[in-house]
């Protein structure tokens, strides 16, 4: 059985449970930070992340001054990018390389 459909179902369920409440709070804090000139606009980082890692954005968080963007790439792997919200600099890139079954 292919892993991708299962991953999509799990990712969708997690996103449905986690994102709506947090998204409202994160969105508000991000907008306020951008308005005050403290944060770079999330849209700019999302466009960059999606250009470099085509796929479906699963989750976006603002946590301790860092934007965390999780993308299900077209190759079926999940990538998590962490950006400094103040400078827009990429701090960390993690790729879920689930090759444990090989």
PDB file of N, CA and C in Angstrom:
ATOM      1  N   UNK A   1       0.849  -1.185   0.000  1.00  0.00           N
ATOM      2  CA  UNK A   1       0.000   0.000   0.000  1.00  0.00           C
ATOM      3  C   UNK A   1       0.893   1.246   0.000  1.00  0.00           C
ATOM      4  N   UNK A   2       0.627   2.229  -0.870  1.00  0.00           N
ATOM      5  CA  UNK A   2       1.460   3.428  -0.930  1.00  0.00           C
ATOM      6  C   UNK A   2       1.356   4.258   0.344  1.00  0.00           C
ATOM      7  N   UNK A   3       2.469   4.852   0.719  1.00  0.00           N
ATOM      8  CA  UNK A   3       2.513   5.672   1.931  1.00  0.00           C
ATOM      9  C   UNK A   3       1.826   7.018   1.744  1.00  0.00           C
ATOM     10  N   UNK A   4       1.878   7.573   0.537  1.00  0.00           N
ATOM     11  CA  UNK A   4       1.395   8.926   0.308  1.00  0.00           C
ATOM     12  C   UNK A   4      -0.056   9.135   0.710  1.00  0.00           C
ATOM     13  N   UNK A   5      -1.027   8.290   0.283  1.00  0.00           N
ATOM     14  CA  UNK A   5      -2.406   8.541   0.698  1.00  0.00           C
ATOM     15  C   UNK A   5      -2.590   8.532   2.211  1.00  0.00           C
ATOM     16  N   UNK A   6      -1.902   7.638   2.903  1.00  0.00           N
ATOM     17  CA  UNK A   6      -2.008   7.589   4.360  1.00  0.00           C
ATOM     18  C   UNK A   6      -1.452   8.880   4.966  1.00  0.00           C
ATOM     19  N   UNK A   7      -0.326   9.329   4.439  1.00  0.00           N
ATOM     20  CA  UNK A   7       0.282  10.566   4.922  1.00  0.00           C
ATOM     21  C   UNK A   7      -0.660  11.744   4.706  1.00  0.00           C
ATOM     22  N   UNK A   8      -1.328  11.776   3.555  1.00  0.00           N
ATOM     23  CA  UNK A   8      -2.263  12.865   3.281  1.00  0.00           C
ATOM     24  C   UNK A   8      -3.425  12.860   4.266  1.00  0.00           C
ATOM     25  N   UNK A   9      -3.951  11.694   4.562  1.00  0.00           N
ATOM     26  CA  UNK A   9      -5.063  11.592   5.512  1.00  0.00           C
ATOM     27  C   UNK A   9      -4.617  12.042   6.891  1.00  0.00           C
ATOM     28  N   UNK A  10      -3.460  11.568   7.329  1.00  0.00           N
ATOM     29  CA  UNK A  10      -2.949  11.948   8.651  1.00  0.00           C
ATOM     30  C   UNK A  10      -2.667  13.434   8.702  1.00  0.00           C
ATOM     31  N   UNK A  11      -1.992  13.965   7.674  1.00  0.00           N
ATOM     32  CA  UNK A  11      -1.660  15.393   7.647  1.00  0.00           C
ATOM     33  C   UNK A  11      -2.935  16.226   7.654  1.00  0.00           C
ATOM     34  N   UNK A  12      -3.947  15.802   6.897  1.00  0.00           N
ATOM     35  CA  UNK A  12      -5.212  16.531   6.867  1.00  0.00           C
ATOM     36  C   UNK A  12      -5.901  16.527   8.215  1.00  0.00           C
ATOM     37  N   UNK A  13      -5.889  15.392   8.879  1.00  0.00           N
ATOM     38  CA  UNK A  13      -6.519  15.291  10.193  1.00  0.00           C
ATOM     39  C   UNK A  13      -5.801  16.161  11.215  1.00  0.00           C
ATOM     40  N   UNK A  14      -4.481  16.128  11.200  1.00  0.00           N
ATOM     41  CA  UNK A  14      -3.698  16.949  12.126  1.00  0.00           C
ATOM     42  C   UNK A  14      -3.944  18.421  11.846  1.00  0.00           C
ATOM     43  N   UNK A  15      -3.925  18.786  10.585  1.00  0.00           N
ATOM     44  CA  UNK A  15      -4.145  20.189  10.223  1.00  0.00           C
ATOM     45  C   UNK A  15      -5.535  20.638  10.644  1.00  0.00           C
ATOM     46  N   UNK A  16      -6.515  19.795  10.453  1.00  0.00           N
ATOM     47  CA  UNK A  16      -7.881  20.150  10.820  1.00  0.00           C
ATOM     48  C   UNK A  16      -8.027  20.350  12.323  1.00  0.00           C
ATOM     49  N   UNK A  17      -7.293  19.592  13.101  1.00  0.00           N
ATOM     50  CA  UNK A  17      -7.381  19.708  14.554  1.00  0.00           C
ATOM     51  C   UNK A  17      -6.560  20.861  15.096  1.00  0.00           C
ATOM     52  N   UNK A  18      -5.431  21.163  14.459  1.00  0.00           N
ATOM     53  CA  UNK A  18      -4.463  22.060  15.061  1.00  0.00           C
ATOM     54  C   UNK A  18      -4.492  23.484  14.519  1.00  0.00           C
ATOM     55  N   UNK A  19      -4.662  23.652  13.248  1.00  0.00           N
ATOM     56  CA  UNK A  19      -4.438  24.945  12.627  1.00  0.00           C
ATOM     57  C   UNK A  19      -5.471  26.012  12.947  1.00  0.00           C
ATOM     58  N   UNK A  20      -6.792  25.766  12.918  1.00  0.00           N
ATOM     59  CA  UNK A  20      -7.734  26.875  13.014  1.00  0.00           C
ATOM     60  C   UNK A  20      -7.576  27.778  14.228  1.00  0.00           C
ATOM     61  N   UNK A  21      -7.491  27.239  15.428  1.00  0.00           N
ATOM     62  CA  UNK A  21      -7.373  28.081  16.611  1.00  0.00           C
ATOM     63  C   UNK A  21      -6.036  28.786  16.636  1.00  0.00           C
ATOM     64  N   UNK A  22      -4.980  28.041  16.388  1.00  0.00           N
ATOM     65  CA  UNK A  22      -3.661  28.632  16.422  1.00  0.00           C
ATOM     66  C   UNK A  22      -3.470  29.624  15.275  1.00  0.00           C
ATOM     67  N   UNK A  23      -4.049  29.318  14.116  1.00  0.00           N
ATOM     68  CA  UNK A  23      -3.896  30.192  12.960  1.00  0.00           C
ATOM     69  C   UNK A  23      -4.439  31.579  13.262  1.00  0.00           C
ATOM     70  N   UNK A  24      -5.572  31.668  13.954  1.00  0.00           N
ATOM     71  CA  UNK A  24      -6.134  32.966  14.289  1.00  0.00           C
ATOM     72  C   UNK A  24      -5.179  33.760  15.161  1.00  0.00           C
ATOM     73  N   UNK A  25      -4.651  33.141  16.202  1.00  0.00           N
ATOM     74  CA  UNK A  25      -3.734  33.817  17.112  1.00  0.00           C
ATOM     75  C   UNK A  25      -2.418  34.155  16.411  1.00  0.00           C
ATOM     76  N   UNK A  26      -1.870  33.195  15.664  1.00  0.00           N
ATOM     77  CA  UNK A  26      -0.617  33.432  14.942  1.00  0.00           C
ATOM     78  C   UNK A  26      -0.796  34.527  13.902  1.00  0.00           C
ATOM     79  N   UNK A  27      -1.919  34.516  13.189  1.00  0.00           N
ATOM     80  CA  UNK A  27      -2.178  35.527  12.171  1.00  0.00           C
ATOM     81  C   UNK A  27      -2.236  36.918  12.786  1.00  0.00           C
ATOM     82  N   UNK A  28      -2.922  37.006  13.898  1.00  0.00           N
ATOM     83  CA  UNK A  28      -3.038  38.303  14.582  1.00  0.00           C
ATOM     84  C   UNK A  28      -1.672  38.802  15.030  1.00  0.00           C
ATOM     85  N   UNK A  29      -0.888  37.914  15.659  1.00  0.00           N
ATOM     86  CA  UNK A  29       0.445  38.318  16.130  1.00  0.00           C
ATOM     87  C   UNK A  29       1.359  38.670  14.970  1.00  0.00           C
ATOM     88  N   UNK A  30       1.259  37.925  13.873  1.00  0.00           N
ATOM     89  CA  UNK A  30       2.095  38.206  12.704  1.00  0.00           C
ATOM     90  C   UNK A  30       1.726  39.561  12.099  1.00  0.00           C
ATOM     91  N   UNK A  31       0.428  39.806  11.936  1.00  0.00           N
ATOM     92  CA  UNK A  31      -0.016  41.101  11.374  1.00  0.00           C
ATOM     93  C   UNK A  31       0.441  42.259  12.252  1.00  0.00           C
ATOM     94  N   UNK A  32       0.297  42.102  13.569  1.00  0.00           N
ATOM     95  CA  UNK A  32       0.732  43.165  14.482  1.00  0.00           C
ATOM     96  C   UNK A  32       2.236  43.382  14.390  1.00  0.00           C
ATOM     97  N   UNK A  33       3.002  42.296  14.321  1.00  0.00           N
ATOM     98  CA  UNK A  33       4.455  42.407  14.198  1.00  0.00           C
ATOM     99  C   UNK A  33       4.878  43.085  12.909  1.00  0.00           C
ATOM    100  N   UNK A  34       4.202  42.760  11.813  1.00  0.00           N
ATOM    101  CA  UNK A  34       4.504  43.399  10.521  1.00  0.00           C
ATOM    102  C   UNK A  34       4.136  44.879  10.588  1.00  0.00           C
ATOM    103  N   UNK A  35       2.973  45.178  11.152  1.00  0.00           N
ATOM    104  CA  UNK A  35       2.517  46.565  11.269  1.00  0.00           C
ATOM    105  C   UNK A  35       3.511  47.415  12.070  1.00  0.00           C
ATOM    106  N   UNK A  36       4.068  46.829  13.116  1.00  0.00           N
ATOM    107  CA  UNK A  36       5.037  47.546  13.951  1.00  0.00           C
ATOM    108  C   UNK A  36       6.443  47.561  13.334  1.00  0.00           C
ATOM    109  N   UNK A  37       6.616  46.852  12.223  1.00  0.00           N
ATOM    110  CA  UNK A  37       7.924  46.802  11.577  1.00  0.00           C
ATOM    111  C   UNK A  37       8.875  45.804  12.221  1.00  0.00           C
ATOM    112  N   UNK A  38       8.359  44.927  13.079  1.00  0.00           N
ATOM    113  CA  UNK A  38       9.199  43.950  13.771  1.00  0.00           C
ATOM    114  C   UNK A  38       9.405  42.674  12.955  1.00  0.00           C
ATOM    115  N   UNK A  39       8.405  42.277  12.166  1.00  0.00           N
ATOM    116  CA  UNK A  39       8.451  41.027  11.406  1.00  0.00           C
ATOM    117  C   UNK A  39       8.370  41.308   9.915  1.00  0.00           C
ATOM    118  N   UNK A  40       8.983  40.428   9.133  1.00  0.00           N
ATOM    119  CA  UNK A  40       8.790  40.478   7.687  1.00  0.00           C
ATOM    120  C   UNK A  40       7.434  39.851   7.384  1.00  0.00           C
ATOM    121  N   UNK A  41       6.800  40.250   6.300  1.00  0.00           N
ATOM    122  CA  UNK A  41       5.496  39.670   5.967  1.00  0.00           C
ATOM    123  C   UNK A  41       5.609  38.167   5.696  1.00  0.00           C
ATOM    124  N   UNK A  42       4.712  37.413   6.299  1.00  0.00           N
ATOM    125  CA  UNK A  42       4.683  35.975   6.121  1.00  0.00           C
ATOM    126  C   UNK A  42       4.488  35.605   4.650  1.00  0.00           C
ATOM    127  N   UNK A  43       3.710  36.378   3.922  1.00  0.00           N
ATOM    128  CA  UNK A  43       3.438  36.083   2.516  1.00  0.00           C
ATOM    129  C   UNK A  43       4.728  35.967   1.718  1.00  0.00           C
ATOM    130  N   UNK A  44       5.701  36.813   2.019  1.00  0.00           N
ATOM    131  CA  UNK A  44       6.986  36.787   1.314  1.00  0.00           C
ATOM    132  C   UNK A  44       7.711  35.463   1.570  1.00  0.00           C
ATOM    133  N   UNK A  45       7.702  35.016   2.816  1.00  0.00           N
ATOM    134  CA  UNK A  45       8.382  33.770   3.150  1.00  0.00           C
ATOM    135  C   UNK A  45       7.624  32.561   2.617  1.00  0.00           C
ATOM    136  N   UNK A  46       6.300  32.624   2.643  1.00  0.00           N
ATOM    137  CA  UNK A  46       5.502  31.530   2.084  1.00  0.00           C
ATOM    138  C   UNK A  46       5.764  31.378   0.590  1.00  0.00           C
ATOM    139  N   UNK A  47       5.812  32.491  -0.132  1.00  0.00           N
ATOM    140  CA  UNK A  47       6.071  32.440  -1.573  1.00  0.00           C
ATOM    141  C   UNK A  47       7.438  31.821  -1.837  1.00  0.00           C
ATOM    142  N   UNK A  48       8.417  32.211  -1.055  1.00  0.00           N
ATOM    143  CA  UNK A  48       9.778  31.657  -1.205  1.00  0.00           C
ATOM    144  C   UNK A  48       9.788  30.157  -0.903  1.00  0.00           C
ATOM    145  N   UNK A  49       9.144  29.769   0.203  1.00  0.00           N
ATOM    146  CA  UNK A  49       9.116  28.358   0.607  1.00  0.00           C
ATOM    147  C   UNK A  49       8.424  27.508  -0.459  1.00  0.00           C
ATOM    148  N   UNK A  50       7.301  27.990  -0.987  1.00  0.00           N
ATOM    149  CA  UNK A  50       6.562  27.227  -1.992  1.00  0.00           C
ATOM    150  C   UNK A  50       7.317  27.165  -3.329  1.00  0.00           C
ATOM    151  N   UNK A  51       8.053  28.200  -3.650  1.00  0.00           N
ATOM    152  CA  UNK A  51       8.858  28.197  -4.870  1.00  0.00           C
ATOM    153  C   UNK A  51       9.995  27.172  -4.757  1.00  0.00           C
ATOM    154  N   UNK A  52      10.621  27.106  -3.600  1.00  0.00           N
ATOM    155  CA  UNK A  52      11.754  26.205  -3.396  1.00  0.00           C
ATOM    156  C   UNK A  52      11.317  24.769  -3.086  1.00  0.00           C
ATOM    157  N   UNK A  53      10.094  24.599  -2.579  1.00  0.00           N
ATOM    158  CA  UNK A  53       9.583  23.277  -2.184  1.00  0.00           C
ATOM    159  C   UNK A  53       8.128  23.157  -2.633  1.00  0.00           C
ATOM    160  N   UNK A  54       7.893  22.985  -3.941  1.00  0.00           N
ATOM    161  CA  UNK A  54       6.518  22.904  -4.440  1.00  0.00           C
ATOM    162  C   UNK A  54       5.747  21.787  -3.747  1.00  0.00           C
ATOM    163  N   UNK A  55       4.514  22.097  -3.408  1.00  0.00           N
ATOM    164  CA  UNK A  55       3.662  21.121  -2.749  1.00  0.00           C
ATOM    165  C   UNK A  55       2.522  21.813  -2.042  1.00  0.00           C
ATOM    166  N   UNK A  56       2.005  21.174  -1.011  1.00  0.00           N
ATOM    167  CA  UNK A  56       0.871  21.687  -0.254  1.00  0.00           C
ATOM    168  C   UNK A  56       1.319  22.160   1.127  1.00  0.00           C
ATOM    169  N   UNK A  57       1.016  23.396   1.451  1.00  0.00           N
ATOM    170  CA  UNK A  57       1.337  23.918   2.779  1.00  0.00           C
ATOM    171  C   UNK A  57       0.385  23.263   3.776  1.00  0.00           C
ATOM    172  N   UNK A  58       0.975  22.579   4.744  1.00  0.00           N
ATOM    173  CA  UNK A  58       0.181  21.874   5.749  1.00  0.00           C
ATOM    174  C   UNK A  58      -0.051  22.710   6.994  1.00  0.00           C
ATOM    175  N   UNK A  59       0.960  23.496   7.362  1.00  0.00           N
ATOM    176  CA  UNK A  59       0.868  24.209   8.635  1.00  0.00           C
ATOM    177  C   UNK A  59       1.808  25.404   8.608  1.00  0.00           C
ATOM    178  N   UNK A  60       1.355  26.482   9.235  1.00  0.00           N
ATOM    179  CA  UNK A  60       2.182  27.673   9.416  1.00  0.00           C
ATOM    180  C   UNK A  60       1.985  28.120  10.850  1.00  0.00           C
ATOM    181  N   UNK A  61       3.093  28.339  11.536  1.00  0.00           N
ATOM    182  CA  UNK A  61       3.024  28.794  12.928  1.00  0.00           C
ATOM    183  C   UNK A  61       3.969  29.962  13.136  1.00  0.00           C
ATOM    184  N   UNK A  62       3.633  30.789  14.101  1.00  0.00           N
ATOM    185  CA  UNK A  62       4.538  31.816  14.592  1.00  0.00           C
ATOM    186  C   UNK A  62       4.829  31.448  16.032  1.00  0.00           C
ATOM    187  N   UNK A  63       6.094  31.126  16.313  1.00  0.00           N
ATOM    188  CA  UNK A  63       6.456  30.635  17.637  1.00  0.00           C
ATOM    189  C   UNK A  63       7.771  31.274  18.064  1.00  0.00           C
ATOM    190  N   UNK A  64       7.746  32.037  19.130  1.00  0.00           N
ATOM    191  CA  UNK A  64       8.952  32.667  19.685  1.00  0.00           C
ATOM    192  C   UNK A  64       9.747  33.425  18.629  1.00  0.00           C
ATOM    193  N   UNK A  65       9.042  34.225  17.820  1.00  0.00           N
ATOM    194  CA  UNK A  65       9.730  35.048  16.831  1.00  0.00           C
ATOM    195  C   UNK A  65      10.225  34.285  15.619  1.00  0.00           C
ATOM    196  N   UNK A  66       9.694  33.076  15.414  1.00  0.00           N
ATOM    197  CA  UNK A  66      10.076  32.266  14.265  1.00  0.00           C
ATOM    198  C   UNK A  66       8.824  31.790  13.538  1.00  0.00           C
ATOM    199  N   UNK A  67       8.854  31.920  12.214  1.00  0.00           N
ATOM    200  CA  UNK A  67       7.803  31.339  11.391  1.00  0.00           C
ATOM    201  C   UNK A  67       8.201  29.905  11.090  1.00  0.00           C
ATOM    202  N   UNK A  68       7.292  28.981  11.306  1.00  0.00           N
ATOM    203  CA  UNK A  68       7.528  27.575  10.971  1.00  0.00           C
ATOM    204  C   UNK A  68       6.527  27.202   9.885  1.00  0.00           C
ATOM    205  N   UNK A  69       7.040  26.768   8.751  1.00  0.00           N
ATOM    206  CA  UNK A  69       6.211  26.414   7.601  1.00  0.00           C
ATOM    207  C   UNK A  69       6.440  24.946   7.288  1.00  0.00           C
ATOM    208  N   UNK A  70       5.362  24.184   7.249  1.00  0.00           N
ATOM    209  CA  UNK A  70       5.449  22.758   6.949  1.00  0.00           C
ATOM    210  C   UNK A  70       4.767  22.508   5.607  1.00  0.00           C
ATOM    211  N   UNK A  71       5.492  21.847   4.693  1.00  0.00           N
ATOM    212  CA  UNK A  71       4.989  21.612   3.342  1.00  0.00           C
ATOM    213  C   UNK A  71       5.087  20.129   3.005  1.00  0.00           C
ATOM    214  N   UNK A  72       4.005  19.592   2.441  1.00  0.00           N
ATOM    215  CA  UNK A  72       4.030  18.251   1.869  1.00  0.00           C
ATOM    216  C   UNK A  72       4.467  18.436   0.425  1.00  0.00           C
ATOM    217  N   UNK A  73       5.703  18.059   0.145  1.00  0.00           N
ATOM    218  CA  UNK A  73       6.256  18.272  -1.191  1.00  0.00           C
ATOM    219  C   UNK A  73       5.643  17.315  -2.198  1.00  0.00           C
ATOM    220  N   UNK A  74       5.822  17.650  -3.467  1.00  0.00           N
ATOM    221  CA  UNK A  74       5.286  16.833  -4.549  1.00  0.00           C
ATOM    222  C   UNK A  74       5.881  15.428  -4.552  1.00  0.00           C
ATOM    223  N   UNK A  75       7.071  15.257  -3.966  1.00  0.00           N
ATOM    224  CA  UNK A  75       7.693  13.929  -3.914  1.00  0.00           C
ATOM    225  C   UNK A  75       7.204  13.102  -2.717  1.00  0.00           C
ATOM    226  N   UNK A  76       6.234  13.654  -1.960  1.00  0.00           N
ATOM    227  CA  UNK A  76       5.646  12.929  -0.842  1.00  0.00           C
ATOM    228  C   UNK A  76       6.342  13.134   0.487  1.00  0.00           C
ATOM    229  N   UNK A  77       7.465  13.829   0.487  1.00  0.00           N
ATOM    230  CA  UNK A  77       8.160  14.077   1.753  1.00  0.00           C
ATOM    231  C   UNK A  77       7.664  15.387   2.358  1.00  0.00           C
ATOM    232  N   UNK A  78       7.735  15.462   3.676  1.00  0.00           N
ATOM    233  CA  UNK A  78       7.334  16.667   4.390  1.00  0.00           C
ATOM    234  C   UNK A  78       8.588  17.445   4.750  1.00  0.00           C
ATOM    235  N   UNK A  79       8.554  18.730   4.453  1.00  0.00           N
ATOM    236  CA  UNK A  79       9.675  19.599   4.781  1.00  0.00           C
ATOM    237  C   UNK A  79       9.179  20.657   5.763  1.00  0.00           C
ATOM    238  N   UNK A  80       9.987  20.915   6.790  1.00  0.00           N
ATOM    239  CA  UNK A  80       9.672  21.971   7.751  1.00  0.00           C
ATOM    240  C   UNK A  80      10.768  23.016   7.669  1.00  0.00           C
ATOM    241  N   UNK A  81      10.342  24.241   7.395  1.00  0.00           N
ATOM    242  CA  UNK A  81      11.274  25.354   7.279  1.00  0.00           C
ATOM    243  C   UNK A  81      11.034  26.306   8.439  1.00  0.00           C
ATOM    244  N   UNK A  82      12.101  26.736   9.061  1.00  0.00           N
ATOM    245  CA  UNK A  82      11.999  27.682  10.169  1.00  0.00           C
ATOM    246  C   UNK A  82      12.733  28.950   9.773  1.00  0.00           C
ATOM    247  N   UNK A  83      12.003  30.070   9.800  1.00  0.00           N
ATOM    248  CA  UNK A  83      12.554  31.372   9.429  1.00  0.00           C
ATOM    249  C   UNK A  83      12.528  32.310  10.623  1.00  0.00           C
ATOM    250  N   UNK A  84      13.531  33.157  10.728  1.00  0.00           N
ATOM    251  CA  UNK A  84      13.515  34.227  11.709  1.00  0.00           C
ATOM    252  C   UNK A  84      12.463  35.234  11.256  1.00  0.00           C
ATOM    253  N   UNK A  85      11.472  35.486  12.078  1.00  0.00           N
ATOM    254  CA  UNK A  85      10.375  36.381  11.695  1.00  0.00           C
ATOM    255  C   UNK A  85      10.846  37.830  11.553  1.00  0.00           C
ATOM    256  N   UNK A  86      11.930  38.191  12.198  1.00  0.00           N
ATOM    257  CA  UNK A  86      12.417  39.566  12.138  1.00  0.00           C
ATOM    258  C   UNK A  86      13.230  39.842  10.870  1.00  0.00           C
ATOM    259  N   UNK A  87      14.055  38.892  10.486  1.00  0.00           N
ATOM    260  CA  UNK A  87      14.946  39.117   9.337  1.00  0.00           C
ATOM    261  C   UNK A  87      14.510  38.354   8.085  1.00  0.00           C
ATOM    262  N   UNK A  88      13.717  37.294   8.264  1.00  0.00           N
ATOM    263  CA  UNK A  88      13.336  36.455   7.143  1.00  0.00           C
ATOM    264  C   UNK A  88      14.390  35.414   6.798  1.00  0.00           C
ATOM    265  N   UNK A  89      15.439  35.345   7.578  1.00  0.00           N
ATOM    266  CA  UNK A  89      16.540  34.408   7.311  1.00  0.00           C
ATOM    267  C   UNK A  89      16.104  32.979   7.641  1.00  0.00           C
ATOM    268  N   UNK A  90      16.447  32.041   6.750  1.00  0.00           N
ATOM    269  CA  UNK A  90      16.161  30.629   6.986  1.00  0.00           C
ATOM    270  C   UNK A  90      17.073  30.132   8.101  1.00  0.00           C
ATOM    271  N   UNK A  91      16.479  29.621   9.161  1.00  0.00           N
ATOM    272  CA  UNK A  91      17.240  29.139  10.309  1.00  0.00           C
ATOM    273  C   UNK A  91      17.454  27.635  10.269  1.00  0.00           C
ATOM    274  N   UNK A  92      16.435  26.922   9.782  1.00  0.00           N
ATOM    275  CA  UNK A  92      16.520  25.459   9.802  1.00  0.00           C
ATOM    276  C   UNK A  92      15.629  24.886   8.710  1.00  0.00           C
ATOM    277  N   UNK A  93      16.093  23.788   8.132  1.00  0.00           N
ATOM    278  CA  UNK A  93      15.324  23.053   7.142  1.00  0.00           C
ATOM    279  C   UNK A  93      15.389  21.586   7.508  1.00  0.00           C
ATOM    280  N   UNK A  94      14.233  21.001   7.754  1.00  0.00           N
ATOM    281  CA  UNK A  94      14.167  19.574   8.089  1.00  0.00           C
ATOM    282  C   UNK A  94      13.317  18.887   7.031  1.00  0.00           C
ATOM    283  N   UNK A  95      13.820  17.776   6.506  1.00  0.00           N
ATOM    284  CA  UNK A  95      13.067  16.986   5.547  1.00  0.00           C
ATOM    285  C   UNK A  95      12.796  15.634   6.175  1.00  0.00           C
ATOM    286  N   UNK A  96      11.522  15.260   6.237  1.00  0.00           N
ATOM    287  CA  UNK A  96      11.133  13.958   6.763  1.00  0.00           C
ATOM    288  C   UNK A  96      11.473  12.932   5.693  1.00  0.00           C
ATOM    289  N   UNK A  97      12.520  12.205   5.942  1.00  0.00           N
ATOM    290  CA  UNK A  97      13.010  11.206   4.991  1.00  0.00           C
ATOM    291  C   UNK A  97      12.654   9.838   5.548  1.00  0.00           C
ATOM    292  N   UNK A  98      11.396   9.466   5.428  1.00  0.00           N
ATOM    293  CA  UNK A  98      10.860   8.252   6.043  1.00  0.00           C
ATOM    294  C   UNK A  98      11.243   7.009   5.248  1.00  0.00           C
ATOM    295  N   UNK A  99      12.513   6.626   5.341  1.00  0.00           N
ATOM    296  CA  UNK A  99      13.020   5.441   4.634  1.00  0.00           C
ATOM    297  C   UNK A  99      13.237   4.270   5.587  1.00  0.00           C
ATOM    298  N   UNK A 100      12.528   4.239   6.694  1.00  0.00           N
ATOM    299  CA  UNK A 100      12.710   3.185   7.685  1.00  0.00           C
ATOM    300  C   UNK A 100      12.263   1.805   7.193  1.00  0.00           C
ATOM    301  N   UNK A 101      11.395   1.771   6.163  1.00  0.00           N
ATOM    302  CA  UNK A 101      10.837   0.510   5.689  1.00  0.00           C
ATOM    303  C   UNK A 101      11.745  -0.205   4.679  1.00  0.00           C
ATOM    304  N   UNK A 102      12.795   0.423   4.207  1.00  0.00           N
ATOM    305  CA  UNK A 102      13.651  -0.155   3.168  1.00  0.00           C
ATOM    306  C   UNK A 102      14.576  -1.207   3.698  1.00  0.00           C
TER     307      UNK A 102
END
